[in-house]
C-alpha atoms as a PDB file:
ATOM      1  CA  MET A   1     142.757 116.056 112.596  1.00  0.00           C
ATOM      2  CA  SER A   2     139.596 116.091 110.546  1.00  0.00           C
ATOM      3  CA  ARG A   3     136.425 117.282 112.230  1.00  0.00           C
ATOM      4  CA  THR A   4     134.419 114.146 112.988  1.00  0.00           C
ATOM      5  CA  THR A   5     131.097 113.481 114.707  1.00  0.00           C
ATOM      6  CA  ARG A   6     129.416 110.202 115.496  1.00  0.00           C
ATOM      7  CA  LEU A   7     126.022 109.126 116.812  1.00  0.00           C
ATOM      8  CA  SER A   8     126.697 106.632 119.634  1.00  0.00           C
ATOM      9  CA  SER A   9     124.601 103.457 119.579  1.00  0.00           C
ATOM     10  CA  SER A  10     125.165 101.998 123.037  1.00  0.00           C
ATOM     11  CA  LEU A  11     121.414 101.465 122.926  1.00  0.00           C
ATOM     12  CA  LEU A  12     121.995  98.468 120.689  1.00  0.00           C
ATOM     13  CA  ARG A  13     124.372  96.892 123.187  1.00  0.00           C
ATOM     14  CA  ALA A  14     121.575  97.234 125.718  1.00  0.00           C
ATOM     15  CA  ALA A  15     119.212  95.709 123.160  1.00  0.00           C
ATOM     16  CA  ALA A  16     121.450  92.659 122.906  1.00  0.00           C
ATOM     17  CA  VAL A  17     121.288  92.314 126.693  1.00  0.00           C
ATOM     18  CA  THR A  18     117.509  92.758 126.667  1.00  0.00           C
ATOM     19  CA  GLY A  19     117.133  90.378 123.739  1.00  0.00           C
ATOM     20  CA  VAL A  20     119.108  87.564 125.359  1.00  0.00           C
ATOM     21  CA  ALA A  21     117.139  87.992 128.563  1.00  0.00           C
ATOM     22  CA  ALA A  22     113.868  87.977 126.630  1.00  0.00           C
ATOM     23  CA  LEU A  23     114.840  84.865 124.672  1.00  0.00           C
ATOM     24  CA  THR A  24     115.881  83.117 127.877  1.00  0.00           C
ATOM     25  CA  LEU A  25     112.644  83.905 129.668  1.00  0.00           C
ATOM     26  CA  THR A  26     110.485  83.041 126.654  1.00  0.00           C
ATOM     27  CA  ALA A  27     112.238  79.767 125.998  1.00  0.00           C
ATOM     28  CA  CYS A  28     112.211  78.745 129.655  1.00  0.00           C
ATOM     29  CA  GLY A  29     108.499  79.389 129.728  1.00  0.00           C
ATOM     30  CA  SER A  30     107.750  77.400 126.585  1.00  0.00           C
ATOM     31  CA  GLY A  31     105.775  74.206 126.608  1.00  0.00           C
ATOM     32  CA  SER A  32     108.684  71.920 125.806  1.00  0.00           C
ATOM     33  CA  GLY A  33     110.860  73.007 128.694  1.00  0.00           C
ATOM     34  CA  SER A  34     113.758  71.187 127.048  1.00  0.00           C
ATOM     35  CA  THR A  35     117.377  72.139 127.497  1.00  0.00           C
ATOM     36  CA  SER A  36     120.530  71.438 125.511  1.00  0.00           C
ATOM     37  CA  SER A  37     123.515  69.285 126.364  1.00  0.00           C
ATOM     38  CA  GLY A  38     121.882  68.237 129.621  1.00  0.00           C
ATOM     39  CA  SER A  39     123.187  71.400 131.233  1.00  0.00           C
ATOM     40  CA  GLY A  40     119.851  72.665 132.512  1.00  0.00           C
ATOM     41  CA  SER A  41     120.245  75.972 130.644  1.00  0.00           C
ATOM     42  CA  VAL A  42     118.538  77.248 127.540  1.00  0.00           C
ATOM     43  CA  LYS A  43     120.530  77.771 124.330  1.00  0.00           C
ATOM     44  CA  VAL A  44     120.248  81.028 122.405  1.00  0.00           C
ATOM     45  CA  GLY A  45     122.183  82.427 119.473  1.00  0.00           C
ATOM     46  CA  LEU A  46     123.544  85.797 118.355  1.00  0.00           C
ATOM     47  CA  ILE A  47     124.417  86.421 114.704  1.00  0.00           C
ATOM     48  CA  THR A  48     126.035  89.748 113.779  1.00  0.00           C
ATOM     49  CA  LYS A  49     127.059  91.180 110.426  1.00  0.00           C
ATOM     50  CA  THR A  50     130.790  90.916 111.156  1.00  0.00           C
ATOM     51  CA  ASP A  51     133.029  90.180 114.123  1.00  0.00           C
ATOM     52  CA  THR A  52     135.410  93.053 113.341  1.00  0.00           C
ATOM     53  CA  ASN A  53     133.217  96.164 113.563  1.00  0.00           C
ATOM     54  CA  PRO A  54     133.600  97.493 117.142  1.00  0.00           C
ATOM     55  CA  PHE A  55     129.846  98.139 117.191  1.00  0.00           C
ATOM     56  CA  PHE A  56     129.103  94.430 116.862  1.00  0.00           C
ATOM     57  CA  VAL A  57     131.958  93.491 119.186  1.00  0.00           C
ATOM     58  CA  LYS A  58     130.250  95.526 121.920  1.00  0.00           C
ATOM     59  CA  MET A  59     126.900  93.955 121.049  1.00  0.00           C
ATOM     60  CA  LYS A  60     128.450  90.503 121.465  1.00  0.00           C
ATOM     61  CA  GLU A  61     129.977  91.511 124.810  1.00  0.00           C
ATOM     62  CA  GLY A  62     126.566  92.671 126.019  1.00  0.00           C
ATOM     63  CA  ALA A  63     124.945  89.412 124.928  1.00  0.00           C
ATOM     64  CA  GLU A  64     127.641  87.322 126.617  1.00  0.00           C
ATOM     65  CA  LYS A  65     127.129  89.240 129.847  1.00  0.00           C
ATOM     66  CA  ALA A  66     123.362  88.790 129.698  1.00  0.00           C
ATOM     67  CA  ALA A  67     123.671  85.082 128.921  1.00  0.00           C
ATOM     68  CA  LYS A  68     125.920  84.577 131.931  1.00  0.00           C
ATOM     69  CA  GLU A  69     123.627  86.539 134.217  1.00  0.00           C
ATOM     70  CA  ASN A  70     120.547  84.638 133.019  1.00  0.00           C
ATOM     71  CA  GLY A  71     122.097  81.178 132.997  1.00  0.00           C
ATOM     72  CA  ALA A  72     121.837  80.743 129.216  1.00  0.00           C
ATOM     73  CA  GLN A  73     124.201  79.090 126.767  1.00  0.00           C
ATOM     74  CA  LEU A  74     125.079  81.602 124.042  1.00  0.00           C
ATOM     75  CA  SER A  75     126.237  80.600 120.582  1.00  0.00           C
ATOM     76  CA  THR A  76     127.651  83.383 118.412  1.00  0.00           C
ATOM     77  CA  ALA A  77     128.407  83.719 114.725  1.00  0.00           C
ATOM     78  CA  ALA A  78     129.046  86.471 112.186  1.00  0.00           C
ATOM     79  CA  GLY A  79     129.352  86.999 108.476  1.00  0.00           C
ATOM     80  CA  LYS A  80     132.808  87.182 106.963  1.00  0.00           C
ATOM     81  CA  PHE A  81     131.962  90.714 105.800  1.00  0.00           C
ATOM     82  CA  ASP A  82     129.072  93.164 105.972  1.00  0.00           C
ATOM     83  CA  GLY A  83     126.679  91.804 103.364  1.00  0.00           C
ATOM     84  CA  ASP A  84     127.568  88.117 103.799  1.00  0.00           C
ATOM     85  CA  ASN A  85     124.026  86.760 103.677  1.00  0.00           C
ATOM     86  CA  ALA A  86     125.169  83.210 102.888  1.00  0.00           C
ATOM     87  CA  GLY A  87     127.274  83.148 106.027  1.00  0.00           C
ATOM     88  CA  GLN A  88     124.330  84.268 108.140  1.00  0.00           C
ATOM     89  CA  VAL A  89     122.034  81.662 106.562  1.00  0.00           C
ATOM     90  CA  THR A  90     124.548  78.945 107.444  1.00  0.00           C
ATOM     91  CA  ALA A  91     124.776  80.309 110.995  1.00  0.00           C
ATOM     92  CA  ILE A  92     120.989  80.149 111.408  1.00  0.00           C
ATOM     93  CA  GLU A  93     120.874  76.588 110.107  1.00  0.00           C
ATOM     94  CA  ASN A  94     123.702  75.495 112.399  1.00  0.00           C
ATOM     95  CA  MET A  95     122.126  77.123 115.446  1.00  0.00           C
ATOM     96  CA  VAL A  96     118.710  75.582 114.773  1.00  0.00           C
ATOM     97  CA  ALA A  97     120.348  72.172 114.350  1.00  0.00           C
ATOM     98  CA  SER A  98     122.160  72.645 117.683  1.00  0.00           C
ATOM     99  CA  GLY A  99     118.873  73.202 119.495  1.00  0.00           C
ATOM    100  CA  VAL A 100     118.722  76.937 120.169  1.00  0.00           C
ATOM    101  CA  LYS A 101     115.389  78.242 121.381  1.00  0.00           C
ATOM    102  CA  GLY A 102     115.929  81.768 120.095  1.00  0.00           C
ATOM    103  CA  ILE A 103     118.173  83.744 117.744  1.00  0.00           C
ATOM    104  CA  LEU A 104     119.167  87.418 117.788  1.00  0.00           C
ATOM    105  CA  ILE A 105     120.345  88.598 114.367  1.00  0.00           C
ATOM    106  CA  THR A 106     121.552  91.794 112.681  1.00  0.00           C
ATOM    107  CA  PRO A 107     120.587  90.997 109.076  1.00  0.00           C
ATOM    108  CA  SER A 108     123.214  91.672 106.423  1.00  0.00           C
ATOM    109  CA  ASP A 109     120.565  91.513 103.676  1.00  0.00           C
ATOM    110  CA  SER A 110     117.114  92.539 104.850  1.00  0.00           C
ATOM    111  CA  LYS A 111     115.250  90.527 102.194  1.00  0.00           C
ATOM    112  CA  ALA A 112     117.532  87.607 101.392  1.00  0.00           C
ATOM    113  CA  ILE A 113     117.720  86.430 105.010  1.00  0.00           C
ATOM    114  CA  VAL A 114     113.932  86.096 105.366  1.00  0.00           C
ATOM    115  CA  PRO A 115     113.524  82.512 104.011  1.00  0.00           C
ATOM    116  CA  ALA A 116     116.103  81.195 106.497  1.00  0.00           C
ATOM    117  CA  ILE A 117     114.372  83.059 109.333  1.00  0.00           C
ATOM    118  CA  GLN A 118     111.002  81.639 108.269  1.00  0.00           C
ATOM    119  CA  LYS A 119     112.399  78.100 108.374  1.00  0.00           C
ATOM    120  CA  ALA A 120     113.788  78.699 111.866  1.00  0.00           C
ATOM    121  CA  ARG A 121     110.502  80.119 113.143  1.00  0.00           C
ATOM    122  CA  ALA A 122     108.590  77.206 111.604  1.00  0.00           C
ATOM    123  CA  LYS A 123     110.644  74.934 113.875  1.00  0.00           C
ATOM    124  CA  GLY A 124     109.645  76.927 116.932  1.00  0.00           C
ATOM    125  CA  VAL A 125     112.695  79.174 117.201  1.00  0.00           C
ATOM    126  CA  LEU A 126     112.030  82.735 118.364  1.00  0.00           C
ATOM    127  CA  VAL A 127     113.872  85.239 116.145  1.00  0.00           C
ATOM    128  CA  ILE A 128     114.587  88.859 117.110  1.00  0.00           C
ATOM    129  CA  ALA A 129     116.242  91.349 114.744  1.00  0.00           C
ATOM    130  CA  LEU A 130     118.756  93.866 116.104  1.00  0.00           C
ATOM    131  CA  ASP A 131     119.902  97.116 114.482  1.00  0.00           C
ATOM    132  CA  THR A 132     118.577  96.313 110.985  1.00  0.00           C
ATOM    133  CA  PRO A 133     114.922  95.518 110.196  1.00  0.00           C
ATOM    134  CA  THR A 134     114.091  92.604 107.952  1.00  0.00           C
ATOM    135  CA  ASP A 135     112.019  93.241 104.824  1.00  0.00           C
ATOM    136  CA  PRO A 136     109.191  92.751 105.611  1.00  0.00           C
ATOM    137  CA  GLN A 137     109.698  93.784 109.214  1.00  0.00           C
ATOM    138  CA  ASN A 138     107.181  91.199 110.493  1.00  0.00           C
ATOM    139  CA  ALA A 139     109.425  88.377 109.254  1.00  0.00           C
ATOM    140  CA  VAL A 140     110.800  88.297 112.824  1.00  0.00           C
ATOM    141  CA  ASP A 141     109.088  88.049 116.188  1.00  0.00           C
ATOM    142  CA  ALA A 142     110.485  91.388 117.394  1.00  0.00           C
ATOM    143  CA  LEU A 143     112.860  94.208 116.483  1.00  0.00           C
ATOM    144  CA  PHE A 144     115.242  96.213 118.688  1.00  0.00           C
ATOM    145  CA  ALA A 145     116.827  99.018 116.651  1.00  0.00           C
ATOM    146  CA  THR A 146     117.787 102.639 116.540  1.00  0.00           C
ATOM    147  CA  ASP A 147     115.773 104.885 114.234  1.00  0.00           C
ATOM    148  CA  ASN A 148     118.317 104.837 111.403  1.00  0.00           C
ATOM    149  CA  LEU A 149     116.485 107.432 109.328  1.00  0.00           C
ATOM    150  CA  LYS A 150     116.503 109.825 112.281  1.00  0.00           C
ATOM    151  CA  ALA A 151     120.168 109.052 113.005  1.00  0.00           C
ATOM    152  CA  GLY A 152     121.001 110.050 109.426  1.00  0.00           C
ATOM    153  CA  GLU A 153     118.941 113.217 109.745  1.00  0.00           C
ATOM    154  CA  LEU A 154     120.813 114.252 112.880  1.00  0.00           C
ATOM    155  CA  ILE A 155     124.257 113.965 111.352  1.00  0.00           C
ATOM    156  CA  GLY A 156     122.984 115.657 108.194  1.00  0.00           C
ATOM    157  CA  GLU A 157     121.736 118.593 110.262  1.00  0.00           C
ATOM    158  CA  TYR A 158     125.050 118.721 112.106  1.00  0.00           C
ATOM    159  CA  ALA A 159     127.052 118.718 108.870  1.00  0.00           C
ATOM    160  CA  LYS A 160     124.891 121.491 107.407  1.00  0.00           C
ATOM    161  CA  ALA A 161     125.413 123.652 110.488  1.00  0.00           C
ATOM    162  CA  ALA A 162     129.146 122.901 110.657  1.00  0.00           C
ATOM    163  CA  MET A 163     129.648 124.053 107.064  1.00  0.00           C
ATOM    164  CA  LYS A 164     128.429 127.539 108.073  1.00  0.00           C
ATOM    165  CA  GLY A 165     127.110 128.427 104.638  1.00  0.00           C
ATOM    166  CA  LYS A 166     130.130 127.154 102.674  1.00  0.00           C
ATOM    167  CA  THR A 167     129.393 125.402  99.382  1.00  0.00           C
ATOM    168  CA  ALA A 168     129.361 121.680 100.098  1.00  0.00           C
ATOM    169  CA  LYS A 169     130.934 119.045  97.875  1.00  0.00           C
ATOM    170  CA  ILE A 170     129.733 115.794  99.397  1.00  0.00           C
ATOM    171  CA  ALA A 171     130.906 112.205  99.110  1.00  0.00           C
ATOM    172  CA  THR A 172     128.627 109.502 100.492  1.00  0.00           C
ATOM    173  CA  LEU A 173     130.345 106.264 101.512  1.00  0.00           C
ATOM    174  CA  ASP A 174     127.385 103.933 101.765  1.00  0.00           C
ATOM    175  CA  LEU A 175     126.760 100.329 102.813  1.00  0.00           C
ATOM    176  CA  ALA A 176     125.480  98.006 100.057  1.00  0.00           C
ATOM    177  CA  PRO A 177     122.333  97.481  97.975  1.00  0.00           C
ATOM    178  CA  GLY A 178     119.514  95.620  99.702  1.00  0.00           C
ATOM    179  CA  VAL A 179     120.344  96.607 103.282  1.00  0.00           C
ATOM    180  CA  SER A 180     117.649  98.792 104.819  1.00  0.00           C
ATOM    181  CA  VAL A 181     119.907 100.323 107.476  1.00  0.00           C
ATOM    182  CA  GLY A 182     122.209 101.710 104.780  1.00  0.00           C
ATOM    183  CA  VAL A 183     119.359 103.164 102.741  1.00  0.00           C
ATOM    184  CA  GLN A 184     117.741 104.741 105.788  1.00  0.00           C
ATOM    185  CA  ARG A 185     120.935 106.361 107.070  1.00  0.00           C
ATOM    186  CA  HIS A 186     121.843 107.665 103.601  1.00  0.00           C
ATOM    187  CA  ASN A 187     118.387 109.104 102.972  1.00  0.00           C
ATOM    188  CA  GLY A 188     118.261 110.558 106.473  1.00  0.00           C
ATOM    189  CA  PHE A 189     121.590 112.327 105.968  1.00  0.00           C
ATOM    190  CA  LEU A 190     120.399 113.919 102.724  1.00  0.00           C
ATOM    191  CA  LYS A 191     117.147 115.000 104.384  1.00  0.00           C
ATOM    192  CA  GLY A 192     118.983 116.469 107.361  1.00  0.00           C
ATOM    193  CA  PHE A 193     121.383 118.326 105.077  1.00  0.00           C
ATOM    194  CA  GLY A 194     118.394 119.640 103.133  1.00  0.00           C
ATOM    195  CA  ILE A 195     119.175 118.154  99.718  1.00  0.00           C
ATOM    196  CA  GLY A 196     117.805 115.452  97.439  1.00  0.00           C
ATOM    197  CA  GLU A 197     119.395 112.360  95.921  1.00  0.00           C
ATOM    198  CA  LYS A 198     120.167 114.120  92.602  1.00  0.00           C
ATOM    199  CA  ASP A 199     121.466 117.322  94.159  1.00  0.00           C
ATOM    200  CA  PRO A 200     124.710 118.499  92.501  1.00  0.00           C
ATOM    201  CA  ALA A 201     126.245 118.904  95.968  1.00  0.00           C
ATOM    202  CA  VAL A 202     126.643 115.104  96.038  1.00  0.00           C
ATOM    203  CA  VAL A 203     129.704 114.682  93.834  1.00  0.00           C
ATOM    204  CA  CYS A 204     130.493 111.031  94.565  1.00  0.00           C
ATOM    205  CA  SER A 205     128.775 107.957  96.034  1.00  0.00           C
ATOM    206  CA  GLN A 206     130.469 104.619  96.691  1.00  0.00           C
ATOM    207  CA  ASP A 207     129.526 101.422  98.533  1.00  0.00           C
ATOM    208  CA  THR A 208     131.906 100.277 101.265  1.00  0.00           C
ATOM    209  CA  GLY A 209     130.199  97.337 102.934  1.00  0.00           C
ATOM    210  CA  GLY A 210     130.946  99.148 106.186  1.00  0.00           C
ATOM    211  CA  ASP A 211     134.554  97.989 105.861  1.00  0.00           C
ATOM    212  CA  GLN A 212     137.657 100.055 106.646  1.00  0.00           C
ATOM    213  CA  ALA A 213     139.733  98.930 103.662  1.00  0.00           C
ATOM    214  CA  LYS A 214     136.817  99.373 101.270  1.00  0.00           C
ATOM    215  CA  GLY A 215     136.116 102.772 102.831  1.00  0.00           C
ATOM    216  CA  GLN A 216     139.679 103.820 102.063  1.00  0.00           C
ATOM    217  CA  THR A 217     139.429 102.631  98.466  1.00  0.00           C
ATOM    218  CA  ALA A 218     136.065 104.352  98.031  1.00  0.00           C
ATOM    219  CA  MET A 219     137.482 107.628  99.345  1.00  0.00           C
ATOM    220  CA  GLU A 220     140.488 107.345  97.025  1.00  0.00           C
ATOM    221  CA  ASN A 221     138.131 106.835  94.080  1.00  0.00           C
ATOM    222  CA  CYS A 222     136.007 109.815  95.114  1.00  0.00           C
ATOM    223  CA  LEU A 223     139.045 112.071  95.466  1.00  0.00           C
ATOM    224  CA  GLN A 224     140.116 111.158  91.954  1.00  0.00           C
ATOM    225  CA  LYS A 225     136.664 112.014  90.668  1.00  0.00           C
ATOM    226  CA  ALA A 226     136.180 115.180  92.725  1.00  0.00           C
ATOM    227  CA  PRO A 227     139.349 116.482  94.454  1.00  0.00           C
ATOM    228  CA  GLY A 228     137.457 119.347  96.097  1.00  0.00           C
ATOM    229  CA  ILE A 229     135.303 117.164  98.376  1.00  0.00           C
ATOM    230  CA  ASN A 230     134.832 118.853 101.756  1.00  0.00           C
ATOM    231  CA  VAL A 231     132.084 116.735 103.397  1.00  0.00           C
ATOM    232  CA  VAL A 232     132.121 112.948 103.743  1.00  0.00           C
ATOM    233  CA  TYR A 233     129.112 110.958 104.972  1.00  0.00           C
ATOM    234  CA  THR A 234     129.998 107.439 106.066  1.00  0.00           C
ATOM    235  CA  ILE A 235     127.741 104.498 106.934  1.00  0.00           C
ATOM    236  CA  ASN A 236     129.787 103.637 110.022  1.00  0.00           C
ATOM    237  CA  GLU A 237     133.073 104.407 111.721  1.00  0.00           C
ATOM    238  CA  PRO A 238     135.218 101.652 110.155  1.00  0.00           C
ATOM    239  CA  ALA A 239     134.332 103.202 106.785  1.00  0.00           C
ATOM    240  CA  ALA A 240     135.040 106.619 108.299  1.00  0.00           C
ATOM    241  CA  LEU A 241     138.503 105.522 109.413  1.00  0.00           C
ATOM    242  CA  GLY A 242     139.188 104.262 105.899  1.00  0.00           C
ATOM    243  CA  ALA A 243     138.079 107.606 104.495  1.00  0.00           C
ATOM    244  CA  TYR A 244     140.265 109.483 106.966  1.00  0.00           C
ATOM    245  CA  THR A 245     143.277 107.350 106.005  1.00  0.00           C
ATOM    246  CA  ALA A 246     142.787 108.203 102.333  1.00  0.00           C
ATOM    247  CA  LEU A 247     142.322 111.895 103.080  1.00  0.00           C
ATOM    248  CA  LYS A 248     145.441 111.986 105.254  1.00  0.00           C
ATOM    249  CA  ALA A 249     147.482 110.422 102.464  1.00  0.00           C
ATOM    250  CA  LYS A 250     146.434 113.350 100.268  1.00  0.00           C
ATOM    251  CA  GLY A 251     147.064 115.968 102.963  1.00  0.00           C
ATOM    252  CA  ARG A 252     143.325 116.707 103.172  1.00  0.00           C
ATOM    253  CA  GLU A 253     142.624 115.477 106.709  1.00  0.00           C
ATOM    254  CA  LYS A 254     142.437 118.986 108.205  1.00  0.00           C
ATOM    255  CA  ASP A 255     139.825 120.528 105.933  1.00  0.00           C
ATOM    256  CA  VAL A 256     137.268 117.769 105.350  1.00  0.00           C
ATOM    257  CA  LEU A 257     134.260 117.163 107.610  1.00  0.00           C
ATOM    258  CA  ILE A 258     133.536 113.467 108.216  1.00  0.00           C
ATOM    259  CA  VAL A 259     130.222 112.395 109.753  1.00  0.00           C
ATOM    260  CA  SER A 260     129.256 108.868 110.736  1.00  0.00           C
ATOM    261  CA  VAL A 261     126.679 106.725 112.509  1.00  0.00           C
ATOM    262  CA  ASP A 262     127.918 104.222 115.147  1.00  0.00           C
ATOM    263  CA  GLY A 263     130.974 101.991 115.072  1.00  0.00           C
ATOM    264  CA  GLY A 264     132.775 102.348 118.388  1.00  0.00           C
ATOM    265  CA  CYS A 265     134.996 105.421 117.963  1.00  0.00           C
ATOM    266  CA  THR A 266     137.545 103.821 115.589  1.00  0.00           C
ATOM    267  CA  GLY A 267     136.939 106.606 113.058  1.00  0.00           C
END
């Protein structure tokens, strides 16, 4: 097997629990005191980037548990893929129309989602970002997130140490343009490894959208460009599993170091 390390983000599952509880308490204490569907419970929403990444599956499970424990009605939605801003905008609009008092969201596009969030907040909906900050960060009422720059630094430091002085030929399998979490993790990895963006050690960079199939294609493309790759940075573990699949097909799975941030162990 390839040597793989991950930075666990169970903290974000806890953040989903905390966020639902916070939304419930805030909404119940609001001046309107209204409830939905005559059920006597407050309605809150959770919008994740996808419903396939194990990381967001666990986040949803945490939110469902918190909603049940706090007597809230939870509506959930997700983009069709990581980067599906339009899908998240539609989800916000639908949740506001249904009468939610608060929304937890992991933004797929840190900037493009802001107008929809502003419209929701203008109607009195409390919005909390999870995992990924909006741009600007104060576009939401609160943020629960890991320090993605630091997470990248940690796996970069690990990869540097694991190479034990060997010359590195690095592929970076990134997220997508416009998503702050992807930029922060990428830059953190380079900083932790002790190199810059233009360093010749980085022989290939591809966007994956955090998707397994796209991660596999990206790795295949990188191997064509630079067959001697021996370090692979991945934005998350679905992308890491895609990279591993491509490496295994080439018989390279035993001599390539893969590092990743979050995802739920699939990689």
